[in-house]
Amino acid sequence: IHVNEVTSSSAIQIGETGRVDMISRMKYLKQESEIVSDSTLAKSLKV
């Protein structure tokens, strides 16, 4: 078995399992600073 990653409420089970309950909730926030968003570099990258 080769696994790179097991994350965010998950499991690798080898054998028998009676019951599996799993939940994962994620809130991702991305916040730009006005200093960075008004920079010349940021303006040149805007689409």
All heavy atoms as atom14 arrays in JSON, in Angstrom:
{
  "sequence": "IHVNEVTSSSAIQIGETGRVDMISRMKYLKQESEIVSDSTLAKSLKV",
  "atom14_mask": [
    [1, 1, 1, 1, 1, 1, 1, 1, 0, 0, 0, 0, 0, 0],
    [1, 1, 1, 1, 1, 1, 1, 1, 1, 1, 0, 0, 0, 0],
    [1, 1, 1, 1, 1, 1, 1, 0, 0, 0, 0, 0, 0, 0],
    [1, 1, 1, 1, 1, 1, 1, 1, 0, 0, 0, 0, 0, 0],
    [1, 1, 1, 1, 1, 1, 1, 1, 1, 0, 0, 0, 0, 0],
    [1, 1, 1, 1, 1, 1, 1, 0, 0, 0, 0, 0, 0, 0],
    [1, 1, 1, 1, 1, 1, 1, 0, 0, 0, 0, 0, 0, 0],
    [1, 1, 1, 1, 1, 1, 0, 0, 0, 0, 0, 0, 0, 0],
    [1, 1, 1, 1, 1, 1, 0, 0, 0, 0, 0, 0, 0, 0],
    [1, 1, 1, 1, 1, 1, 0, 0, 0, 0, 0, 0, 0, 0],
    [1, 1, 1, 1, 1, 0, 0, 0, 0, 0, 0, 0, 0, 0],
    [1, 1, 1, 1, 1, 1, 1, 1, 0, 0, 0, 0, 0, 0],
    [1, 1, 1, 1, 1, 1, 1, 1, 1, 0, 0, 0, 0, 0],
    [1, 1, 1, 1, 1, 1, 1, 1, 0, 0, 0, 0, 0, 0],
    [1, 1, 1, 1, 0, 0, 0, 0, 0, 0, 0, 0, 0, 0],
    [1, 1, 1, 1, 1, 1, 1, 1, 1, 0, 0, 0, 0, 0],
    [1, 1, 1, 1, 1, 1, 1, 0, 0, 0, 0, 0, 0, 0],
    [1, 1, 1, 1, 0, 0, 0, 0, 0, 0, 0, 0, 0, 0],
    [1, 1, 1, 1, 1, 1, 1, 1, 1, 1, 1, 0, 0, 0],
    [1, 1, 1, 1, 1, 1, 1, 0, 0, 0, 0, 0, 0, 0],
    [1, 1, 1, 1, 1, 1, 1, 1, 0, 0, 0, 0, 0, 0],
    [1, 1, 1, 1, 1, 1, 1, 1, 0, 0, 0, 0, 0, 0],
    [1, 1, 1, 1, 1, 1, 1, 1, 0, 0, 0, 0, 0, 0],
    [1, 1, 1, 1, 1, 1, 0, 0, 0, 0, 0, 0, 0, 0],
    [1, 1, 1, 1, 1, 1, 1, 1, 1, 1, 1, 0, 0, 0],
    [1, 1, 1, 1, 1, 1, 1, 1, 0, 0, 0, 0, 0, 0],
    [1, 1, 1, 1, 1, 1, 1, 1, 1, 0, 0, 0, 0, 0],
    [1, 1, 1, 1, 1, 1, 1, 1, 1, 1, 1, 1, 0, 0],
    [1, 1, 1, 1, 1, 1, 1, 1, 0, 0, 0, 0, 0, 0],
    [1, 1, 1, 1, 1, 1, 1, 1, 1, 0, 0, 0, 0, 0],
    [1, 1, 1, 1, 1, 1, 1, 1, 1, 0, 0, 0, 0, 0],
    [1, 1, 1, 1, 1, 1, 1, 1, 1, 0, 0, 0, 0, 0],
    [1, 1, 1, 1, 1, 1, 0, 0, 0, 0, 0, 0, 0, 0],
    [1, 1, 1, 1, 1, 1, 1, 1, 1, 0, 0, 0, 0, 0],
    [1, 1, 1, 1, 1, 1, 1, 1, 0, 0, 0, 0, 0, 0],
    [1, 1, 1, 1, 1, 1, 1, 0, 0, 0, 0, 0, 0, 0],
    [1, 1, 1, 1, 1, 1, 0, 0, 0, 0, 0, 0, 0, 0],
    [1, 1, 1, 1, 1, 1, 1, 1, 0, 0, 0, 0, 0, 0],
    [1, 1, 1, 1, 1, 1, 0, 0, 0, 0, 0, 0, 0, 0],
    [1, 1, 1, 1, 1, 1, 1, 0, 0, 0, 0, 0, 0, 0],
    [1, 1, 1, 1, 1, 1, 1, 1, 0, 0, 0, 0, 0, 0],
    [1, 1, 1, 1, 1, 0, 0, 0, 0, 0, 0, 0, 0, 0],
    [1, 1, 1, 1, 1, 1, 1, 1, 1, 0, 0, 0, 0, 0],
    [1, 1, 1, 1, 1, 1, 0, 0, 0, 0, 0, 0, 0, 0],
    [1, 1, 1, 1, 1, 1, 1, 1, 0, 0, 0, 0, 0, 0],
    [1, 1, 1, 1, 1, 1, 1, 1, 1, 0, 0, 0, 0, 0],
    [1, 1, 1, 1, 1, 1, 1, 0, 0, 0, 0, 0, 0, 0]
  ],
  "atom14_positions": [
    [[0.87, -1.17, 0.0], [0.0, 0.0, 0.0], [0.91, 1.22, 0.0], [1.84, 1.31, 0.8], [-0.91, 0.02, 1.23], [-1.82, -1.21, 1.25], [-1.74, 1.3, 1.27], [-2.61, -1.35, 2.53], [0.0, 0.0, 0.0], [0.0, 0.0, 0.0], [0.0, 0.0, 0.0], [0.0, 0.0, 0.0], [0.0, 0.0, 0.0], [0.0, 0.0, 0.0]],
    [[0.64, 2.16, -0.88], [1.41, 3.41, -0.95], [0.41, 4.56, -0.88], [-0.44, 4.69, -1.74], [2.21, 3.49, -2.24], [3.05, 4.72, -2.33], [4.42, 4.68, -2.22], [2.74, 6.02, -2.48], [4.89, 5.91, -2.33], [3.89, 6.74, -2.47], [0.0, 0.0, 0.0], [0.0, 0.0, 0.0], [0.0, 0.0, 0.0], [0.0, 0.0, 0.0]],
    [[0.5, 5.38, 0.16], [-0.42, 6.49, 0.37], [0.4, 7.75, 0.57], [1.32, 7.78, 1.39], [-1.31, 6.25, 1.61], [-2.24, 7.42, 1.84], [-2.11, 4.96, 1.45], [0.0, 0.0, 0.0], [0.0, 0.0, 0.0], [0.0, 0.0, 0.0], [0.0, 0.0, 0.0], [0.0, 0.0, 0.0], [0.0, 0.0, 0.0], [0.0, 0.0, 0.0]],
    [[0.08, 8.8, -0.16], [0.78, 10.06, 0.03], [0.24, 10.83, 1.23], [1.0, 11.37, 2.02], [0.68, 10.94, -1.21], [1.58, 10.47, -2.32], [2.59, 9.81, -2.07], [1.22, 10.77, -3.54], [0.0, 0.0, 0.0], [0.0, 0.0, 0.0], [0.0, 0.0, 0.0], [0.0, 0.0, 0.0], [0.0, 0.0, 0.0], [0.0, 0.0, 0.0]],
    [[-1.1, 10.9, 1.37], [-1.64, 11.69, 2.47], [-3.04, 11.22, 2.84], [-3.84, 10.88, 2.0], [-1.69, 13.16, 2.07], [-2.1, 14.08, 3.19], [-1.92, 15.54, 2.85], [-1.74, 15.87, 1.68], [-1.95, 16.34, 3.78], [0.0, 0.0, 0.0], [0.0, 0.0, 0.0], [0.0, 0.0, 0.0], [0.0, 0.0, 0.0], [0.0, 0.0, 0.0]],
    [[-3.3, 11.2, 4.14], [-4.62, 10.94, 4.69], [-4.94, 12.14, 5.56], [-4.26, 12.39, 6.55], [-4.63, 9.65, 5.55], [-6.03, 9.37, 6.07], [-4.12, 8.48, 4.75], [0.0, 0.0, 0.0], [0.0, 0.0, 0.0], [0.0, 0.0, 0.0], [0.0, 0.0, 0.0], [0.0, 0.0, 0.0], [0.0, 0.0, 0.0], [0.0, 0.0, 0.0]],
    [[-5.94, 12.92, 5.18], [-6.19, 14.17, 5.89], [-7.65, 14.55, 5.88], [-8.44, 14.0, 5.11], [-5.33, 15.31, 5.29], [-5.48, 16.48, 6.1], [-5.73, 15.63, 3.88], [0.0, 0.0, 0.0], [0.0, 0.0, 0.0], [0.0, 0.0, 0.0], [0.0, 0.0, 0.0], [0.0, 0.0, 0.0], [0.0, 0.0, 0.0], [0.0, 0.0, 0.0]],
    [[-8.0, 15.47, 6.74], [-9.34, 16.05, 6.83], [-10.43, 15.02, 7.06], [-11.3, 14.81, 6.22], [-9.66, 16.9, 5.61], [-8.75, 17.96, 5.51], [0.0, 0.0, 0.0], [0.0, 0.0, 0.0], [0.0, 0.0, 0.0], [0.0, 0.0, 0.0], [0.0, 0.0, 0.0], [0.0, 0.0, 0.0], [0.0, 0.0, 0.0], [0.0, 0.0, 0.0]],
    [[-10.36, 14.38, 8.18], [-11.38, 13.44, 8.62], [-11.57, 12.28, 7.66], [-12.64, 12.03, 7.13], [-12.71, 14.19, 8.8], [-13.66, 13.37, 9.41], [0.0, 0.0, 0.0], [0.0, 0.0, 0.0], [0.0, 0.0, 0.0], [0.0, 0.0, 0.0], [0.0, 0.0, 0.0], [0.0, 0.0, 0.0], [0.0, 0.0, 0.0], [0.0, 0.0, 0.0]],
    [[-10.5, 11.55, 7.42], [-10.55, 10.38, 6.54], [-9.77, 9.24, 7.18], [-9.08, 9.43, 8.17], [-9.99, 10.72, 5.16], [-8.68, 11.22, 5.28], [0.0, 0.0, 0.0], [0.0, 0.0, 0.0], [0.0, 0.0, 0.0], [0.0, 0.0, 0.0], [0.0, 0.0, 0.0], [0.0, 0.0, 0.0], [0.0, 0.0, 0.0], [0.0, 0.0, 0.0]],
    [[-9.92, 8.05, 6.62], [-9.27, 6.9, 7.23], [-8.83, 5.9, 6.18], [-9.43, 5.8, 5.11], [-10.22, 6.21, 8.2], [0.0, 0.0, 0.0], [0.0, 0.0, 0.0], [0.0, 0.0, 0.0], [0.0, 0.0, 0.0], [0.0, 0.0, 0.0], [0.0, 0.0, 0.0], [0.0, 0.0, 0.0], [0.0, 0.0, 0.0], [0.0, 0.0, 0.0]],
    [[-7.77, 5.19, 6.5], [-7.38, 4.0, 5.75], [-7.65, 2.84, 6.7], [-7.11, 2.79, 7.8], [-5.9, 4.03, 5.36], [-5.64, 5.16, 4.38], [-5.48, 2.69, 4.77], [-4.2, 5.31, 4.01], [0.0, 0.0, 0.0], [0.0, 0.0, 0.0], [0.0, 0.0, 0.0], [0.0, 0.0, 0.0], [0.0, 0.0, 0.0], [0.0, 0.0, 0.0]],
    [[-8.52, 1.96, 6.3], [-8.9, 0.82, 7.13], [-8.49, -0.45, 6.43], [-8.9, -0.7, 5.3], [-10.41, 0.82, 7.37], [-10.92, -0.4, 8.07], [-10.49, -0.47, 9.52], [-10.45, 0.54, 10.19], [-10.18, -1.65, 9.99], [0.0, 0.0, 0.0], [0.0, 0.0, 0.0], [0.0, 0.0, 0.0], [0.0, 0.0, 0.0], [0.0, 0.0, 0.0]],
    [[-7.67, -1.24, 7.07], [-7.28, -2.54, 6.54], [-7.91, -3.57, 7.47], [-7.48, -3.73, 8.6], [-5.74, -2.7, 6.51], [-5.12, -1.56, 5.72], [-5.36, -4.05, 5.95], [-3.64, -1.43, 5.88], [0.0, 0.0, 0.0], [0.0, 0.0, 0.0], [0.0, 0.0, 0.0], [0.0, 0.0, 0.0], [0.0, 0.0, 0.0], [0.0, 0.0, 0.0]],
    [[-8.93, -4.21, 7.03], [-9.68, -5.13, 7.87], [-11.14, -4.74, 7.89], [-11.6, -3.95, 7.08], [0.0, 0.0, 0.0], [0.0, 0.0, 0.0], [0.0, 0.0, 0.0], [0.0, 0.0, 0.0], [0.0, 0.0, 0.0], [0.0, 0.0, 0.0], [0.0, 0.0, 0.0], [0.0, 0.0, 0.0], [0.0, 0.0, 0.0], [0.0, 0.0, 0.0]],
    [[-11.88, -5.28, 8.84], [-13.32, -5.04, 8.92], [-13.63, -3.84, 9.79], [-12.93, -3.55, 10.75], [-14.01, -6.27, 9.51], [-13.87, -7.5, 8.66], [-14.55, -8.7, 9.29], [-15.66, -8.53, 9.83], [-13.97, -9.79, 9.24], [0.0, 0.0, 0.0], [0.0, 0.0, 0.0], [0.0, 0.0, 0.0], [0.0, 0.0, 0.0], [0.0, 0.0, 0.0]],
    [[-14.7, -3.14, 9.45], [-15.18, -2.01, 10.23], [-16.68, -2.14, 10.38], [-17.38, -2.41, 9.41], [-14.87, -0.67, 9.52], [-13.49, -0.59, 9.28], [-15.29, 0.5, 10.36], [0.0, 0.0, 0.0], [0.0, 0.0, 0.0], [0.0, 0.0, 0.0], [0.0, 0.0, 0.0], [0.0, 0.0, 0.0], [0.0, 0.0, 0.0], [0.0, 0.0, 0.0]],
    [[-17.16, -1.91, 11.59], [-18.59, -1.97, 11.82], [-19.3, -0.74, 11.3], [-20.22, -0.82, 10.51], [0.0, 0.0, 0.0], [0.0, 0.0, 0.0], [0.0, 0.0, 0.0], [0.0, 0.0, 0.0], [0.0, 0.0, 0.0], [0.0, 0.0, 0.0], [0.0, 0.0, 0.0], [0.0, 0.0, 0.0], [0.0, 0.0, 0.0], [0.0, 0.0, 0.0]],
    [[-18.87, 0.44, 11.72], [-19.52, 1.68, 11.31], [-18.45, 2.77, 11.19], [-17.56, 2.87, 12.02], [-20.56, 2.09, 12.35], [-21.28, 3.36, 11.99], [-22.26, 3.77, 13.08], [-22.76, 5.09, 12.79], [-24.01, 5.35, 12.49], [-24.89, 4.39, 12.45], [-24.38, 6.59, 12.25], [0.0, 0.0, 0.0], [0.0, 0.0, 0.0], [0.0, 0.0, 0.0]],
    [[-18.6, 3.61, 10.17], [-17.68, 4.72, 9.95], [-18.49, 6.0, 9.83], [-19.39, 6.09, 9.0], [-16.84, 4.51, 8.66], [-15.95, 5.7, 8.41], [-16.04, 3.23, 8.74], [0.0, 0.0, 0.0], [0.0, 0.0, 0.0], [0.0, 0.0, 0.0], [0.0, 0.0, 0.0], [0.0, 0.0, 0.0], [0.0, 0.0, 0.0], [0.0, 0.0, 0.0]],
    [[-18.22, 6.98, 10.69], [-18.85, 8.3, 10.64], [-17.73, 9.32, 10.5], [-16.86, 9.4, 11.35], [-19.63, 8.61, 11.92], [-20.75, 7.63, 12.16], [-21.53, 7.4, 11.22], [-20.86, 7.12, 13.28], [0.0, 0.0, 0.0], [0.0, 0.0, 0.0], [0.0, 0.0, 0.0], [0.0, 0.0, 0.0], [0.0, 0.0, 0.0], [0.0, 0.0, 0.0]],
    [[-17.77, 10.13, 9.45], [-16.72, 11.11, 9.23], [-17.33, 12.4, 8.7], [-18.28, 12.36, 7.93], [-15.69, 10.58, 8.25], [-15.14, 9.26, 8.69], [-13.92, 8.62, 7.58], [-12.59, 8.5, 8.72], [0.0, 0.0, 0.0], [0.0, 0.0, 0.0], [0.0, 0.0, 0.0], [0.0, 0.0, 0.0], [0.0, 0.0, 0.0], [0.0, 0.0, 0.0]],
    [[-16.78, 13.51, 9.13], [-17.24, 14.8, 8.63], [-16.05, 15.75, 8.62], [-15.2, 15.69, 9.51], [-18.4, 15.36, 9.5], [-18.95, 16.63, 8.89], [-17.95, 15.59, 10.93], [-20.27, 17.06, 9.49], [0.0, 0.0, 0.0], [0.0, 0.0, 0.0], [0.0, 0.0, 0.0], [0.0, 0.0, 0.0], [0.0, 0.0, 0.0], [0.0, 0.0, 0.0]],
    [[-15.97, 16.58, 7.63], [-14.91, 17.58, 7.54], [-15.53, 18.86, 7.02], [-16.2, 18.86, 5.99], [-13.8, 17.1, 6.6], [-12.81, 18.1, 6.49], [0.0, 0.0, 0.0], [0.0, 0.0, 0.0], [0.0, 0.0, 0.0], [0.0, 0.0, 0.0], [0.0, 0.0, 0.0], [0.0, 0.0, 0.0], [0.0, 0.0, 0.0], [0.0, 0.0, 0.0]],
    [[-15.33, 19.94, 7.72], [-15.86, 21.24, 7.29], [-14.7, 22.22, 7.27], [-13.91, 22.28, 8.2], [-16.94, 21.73, 8.24], [-18.14, 20.81, 8.26], [-19.15, 21.25, 9.26], [-20.26, 20.33, 9.25], [-21.48, 20.63, 9.6], [-21.75, 21.85, 10.03], [-22.43, 19.74, 9.56], [0.0, 0.0, 0.0], [0.0, 0.0, 0.0], [0.0, 0.0, 0.0]],
    [[-14.61, 22.99, 6.21], [-13.5, 23.92, 6.08], [-14.01, 25.26, 5.56], [-14.84, 25.31, 4.66], [-12.45, 23.38, 5.11], [-11.28, 24.33, 4.92], [-10.06, 23.71, 3.76], [-9.26, 22.49, 4.75], [0.0, 0.0, 0.0], [0.0, 0.0, 0.0], [0.0, 0.0, 0.0], [0.0, 0.0, 0.0], [0.0, 0.0, 0.0], [0.0, 0.0, 0.0]],
    [[-13.53, 26.32, 6.14], [-13.81, 27.67, 5.66], [-12.48, 28.28, 5.28], [-11.56, 28.37, 6.09], [-14.49, 28.5, 6.75], [-14.84, 29.9, 6.32], [-15.94, 29.9, 5.29], [-16.38, 31.3, 4.94], [-17.4, 31.32, 3.92], [0.0, 0.0, 0.0], [0.0, 0.0, 0.0], [0.0, 0.0, 0.0], [0.0, 0.0, 0.0], [0.0, 0.0, 0.0]],
    [[-12.36, 28.66, 4.01], [-11.11, 29.2, 3.49], [-11.32, 30.68, 3.19], [-12.23, 31.05, 2.47], [-10.69, 28.45, 2.22], [-9.43, 28.99, 1.58], [-8.19, 28.72, 2.13], [-9.49, 29.77, 0.43], [-7.04, 29.22, 1.55], [-8.34, 30.27, -0.15], [-7.12, 29.99, 0.42], [-5.98, 30.49, -0.15], [0.0, 0.0, 0.0], [0.0, 0.0, 0.0]],
    [[-10.48, 31.53, 3.75], [-10.58, 32.97, 3.55], [-9.3, 33.47, 2.89], [-8.2, 33.13, 3.31], [-10.75, 33.7, 4.88], [-11.92, 33.25, 5.76], [-11.81, 33.87, 7.13], [-13.22, 33.61, 5.11], [0.0, 0.0, 0.0], [0.0, 0.0, 0.0], [0.0, 0.0, 0.0], [0.0, 0.0, 0.0], [0.0, 0.0, 0.0], [0.0, 0.0, 0.0]],
    [[-9.46, 34.28, 1.87], [-8.31, 34.9, 1.23], [-8.52, 36.4, 1.31], [-9.54, 36.91, 0.88], [-8.19, 34.45, -0.23], [-6.93, 34.95, -0.89], [-6.72, 34.32, -2.24], [-5.42, 34.79, -2.83], [-5.15, 34.17, -4.11], [0.0, 0.0, 0.0], [0.0, 0.0, 0.0], [0.0, 0.0, 0.0], [0.0, 0.0, 0.0], [0.0, 0.0, 0.0]],
    [[-7.57, 37.08, 1.89], [-7.71, 38.51, 2.13], [-6.47, 39.23, 1.61], [-5.36, 38.95, 2.04], [-7.87, 38.72, 3.64], [-8.23, 40.1, 4.03], [-8.45, 40.18, 5.54], [-7.6, 39.8, 6.32], [-9.6, 40.67, 5.93], [0.0, 0.0, 0.0], [0.0, 0.0, 0.0], [0.0, 0.0, 0.0], [0.0, 0.0, 0.0], [0.0, 0.0, 0.0]],
    [[-6.72, 40.17, 0.69], [-5.61, 40.97, 0.15], [-5.55, 42.3, 0.87], [-6.57, 42.89, 1.2], [-5.81, 41.23, -1.34], [-5.48, 40.05, -2.2], [-5.45, 40.43, -3.68], [-5.32, 41.62, -4.0], [-5.55, 39.52, -4.49], [0.0, 0.0, 0.0], [0.0, 0.0, 0.0], [0.0, 0.0, 0.0], [0.0, 0.0, 0.0], [0.0, 0.0, 0.0]],
    [[-4.38, 42.77, 1.09], [-4.18, 44.08, 1.68], [-4.3, 45.14, 0.6], [-3.93, 44.92, -0.56], [-2.79, 44.15, 2.31], [-2.46, 45.47, 2.63], [0.0, 0.0, 0.0], [0.0, 0.0, 0.0], [0.0, 0.0, 0.0], [0.0, 0.0, 0.0], [0.0, 0.0, 0.0], [0.0, 0.0, 0.0], [0.0, 0.0, 0.0], [0.0, 0.0, 0.0]],
    [[-4.83, 46.3, 0.96], [-4.93, 47.4, -0.01], [-3.56, 47.83, -0.47], [-3.37, 48.23, -1.62], [-5.68, 48.58, 0.61], [-7.14, 48.3, 0.82], [-7.87, 49.48, 1.44], [-7.34, 50.61, 1.35], [-8.94, 49.26, 2.0], [0.0, 0.0, 0.0], [0.0, 0.0, 0.0], [0.0, 0.0, 0.0], [0.0, 0.0, 0.0], [0.0, 0.0, 0.0]],
    [[-2.58, 47.74, 0.4], [-1.21, 48.12, 0.04], [-0.72, 47.25, -1.11], [-0.15, 47.72, -2.08], [-0.26, 47.99, 1.25], [-0.69, 48.94, 2.35], [1.18, 48.22, 0.85], [-0.02, 48.69, 3.68], [0.0, 0.0, 0.0], [0.0, 0.0, 0.0], [0.0, 0.0, 0.0], [0.0, 0.0, 0.0], [0.0, 0.0, 0.0], [0.0, 0.0, 0.0]],
    [[-0.98, 45.95, -1.02], [-0.51, 45.02, -2.04], [-1.39, 45.12, -3.28], [-0.91, 45.15, -4.4], [-0.5, 43.58, -1.49], [-0.16, 42.59, -2.58], [0.49, 43.48, -0.35], [0.0, 0.0, 0.0], [0.0, 0.0, 0.0], [0.0, 0.0, 0.0], [0.0, 0.0, 0.0], [0.0, 0.0, 0.0], [0.0, 0.0, 0.0], [0.0, 0.0, 0.0]],
    [[-2.73, 45.19, -3.11], [-3.62, 45.2, -4.27], [-3.49, 46.48, -5.09], [-3.81, 46.5, -6.27], [-5.07, 44.98, -3.84], [-5.48, 46.02, -2.98], [0.0, 0.0, 0.0], [0.0, 0.0, 0.0], [0.0, 0.0, 0.0], [0.0, 0.0, 0.0], [0.0, 0.0, 0.0], [0.0, 0.0, 0.0], [0.0, 0.0, 0.0], [0.0, 0.0, 0.0]],
    [[-3.05, 47.58, -4.48], [-2.86, 48.83, -5.22], [-1.45, 48.99, -5.77], [-1.14, 49.99, -6.41], [-3.18, 50.03, -4.32], [-4.67, 50.14, -4.03], [-5.46, 49.6, -4.83], [-5.04, 50.75, -3.01], [0.0, 0.0, 0.0], [0.0, 0.0, 0.0], [0.0, 0.0, 0.0], [0.0, 0.0, 0.0], [0.0, 0.0, 0.0], [0.0, 0.0, 0.0]],
    [[-0.59, 48.01, -5.56], [0.79, 48.13, -6.03], [0.86, 47.98, -7.54], [-0.03, 47.46, -8.19], [1.67, 47.07, -5.36], [1.34, 45.8, -5.88], [0.0, 0.0, 0.0], [0.0, 0.0, 0.0], [0.0, 0.0, 0.0], [0.0, 0.0, 0.0], [0.0, 0.0, 0.0], [0.0, 0.0, 0.0], [0.0, 0.0, 0.0], [0.0, 0.0, 0.0]],
    [[1.94, 48.44, -8.1], [2.16, 48.33, -9.54], [2.19, 46.88, -9.98], [1.62, 46.52, -11.02], [3.5, 49.02, -9.91], [3.49, 50.35, -9.41], [3.71, 49.04, -11.41], [0.0, 0.0, 0.0], [0.0, 0.0, 0.0], [0.0, 0.0, 0.0], [0.0, 0.0, 0.0], [0.0, 0.0, 0.0], [0.0, 0.0, 0.0], [0.0, 0.0, 0.0]],
    [[2.82, 46.02, -9.19], [2.89, 44.61, -9.52], [1.49, 43.99, -9.55], [1.14, 43.28, -10.47], [3.76, 43.86, -8.5], [3.84, 42.34, -8.67], [4.44, 41.99, -10.03], [4.63, 41.71, -7.55], [0.0, 0.0, 0.0], [0.0, 0.0, 0.0], [0.0, 0.0, 0.0], [0.0, 0.0, 0.0], [0.0, 0.0, 0.0], [0.0, 0.0, 0.0]],
    [[0.67, 44.28, -8.54], [-0.69, 43.73, -8.49], [-1.52, 44.21, -9.68], [-2.27, 43.45, -10.29], [-1.36, 44.11, -7.18], [0.0, 0.0, 0.0], [0.0, 0.0, 0.0], [0.0, 0.0, 0.0], [0.0, 0.0, 0.0], [0.0, 0.0, 0.0], [0.0, 0.0, 0.0], [0.0, 0.0, 0.0], [0.0, 0.0, 0.0], [0.0, 0.0, 0.0]],
    [[-1.38, 45.47, -10.03], [-2.13, 46.01, -11.18], [-1.69, 45.35, -12.46], [-2.5, 45.11, -13.35], [-1.97, 47.53, -11.25], [-2.71, 48.26, -10.15], [-2.47, 49.74, -10.23], [-3.18, 50.44, -9.07], [-2.9, 51.86, -9.04], [0.0, 0.0, 0.0], [0.0, 0.0, 0.0], [0.0, 0.0, 0.0], [0.0, 0.0, 0.0], [0.0, 0.0, 0.0]],
    [[-0.41, 45.04, -12.6], [0.06, 44.4, -13.83], [-0.4, 42.94, -13.91], [-0.47, 42.38, -15.0], [1.6, 44.47, -13.9], [2.18, 43.67, -12.9], [0.0, 0.0, 0.0], [0.0, 0.0, 0.0], [0.0, 0.0, 0.0], [0.0, 0.0, 0.0], [0.0, 0.0, 0.0], [0.0, 0.0, 0.0], [0.0, 0.0, 0.0], [0.0, 0.0, 0.0]],
    [[-0.72, 42.33, -12.77], [-1.16, 40.94, -12.76], [-2.67, 40.78, -12.9], [-3.16, 39.68, -13.13], [-0.7, 40.25, -11.48], [0.81, 40.11, -11.3], [1.12, 39.53, -9.93], [1.41, 39.24, -12.4], [0.0, 0.0, 0.0], [0.0, 0.0, 0.0], [0.0, 0.0, 0.0], [0.0, 0.0, 0.0], [0.0, 0.0, 0.0], [0.0, 0.0, 0.0]],
    [[-3.45, 41.87, -12.75], [-4.9, 41.79, -12.82], [-5.35, 41.39, -14.21], [-4.81, 41.83, -15.22], [-5.54, 43.11, -12.43], [-5.5, 43.37, -10.94], [-6.26, 44.62, -10.59], [-6.21, 44.85, -9.09], [-6.89, 46.09, -8.72], [0.0, 0.0, 0.0], [0.0, 0.0, 0.0], [0.0, 0.0, 0.0], [0.0, 0.0, 0.0], [0.0, 0.0, 0.0]],
    [[-6.37, 40.55, -14.24], [-6.97, 40.13, -15.53], [-8.25, 40.93, -15.71], [-9.12, 40.92, -14.84], [-7.27, 38.62, -15.52], [-7.92, 38.21, -16.82], [-6.0, 37.84, -15.27], [0.0, 0.0, 0.0], [0.0, 0.0, 0.0], [0.0, 0.0, 0.0], [0.0, 0.0, 0.0], [0.0, 0.0, 0.0], [0.0, 0.0, 0.0], [0.0, 0.0, 0.0]]
  ]
}
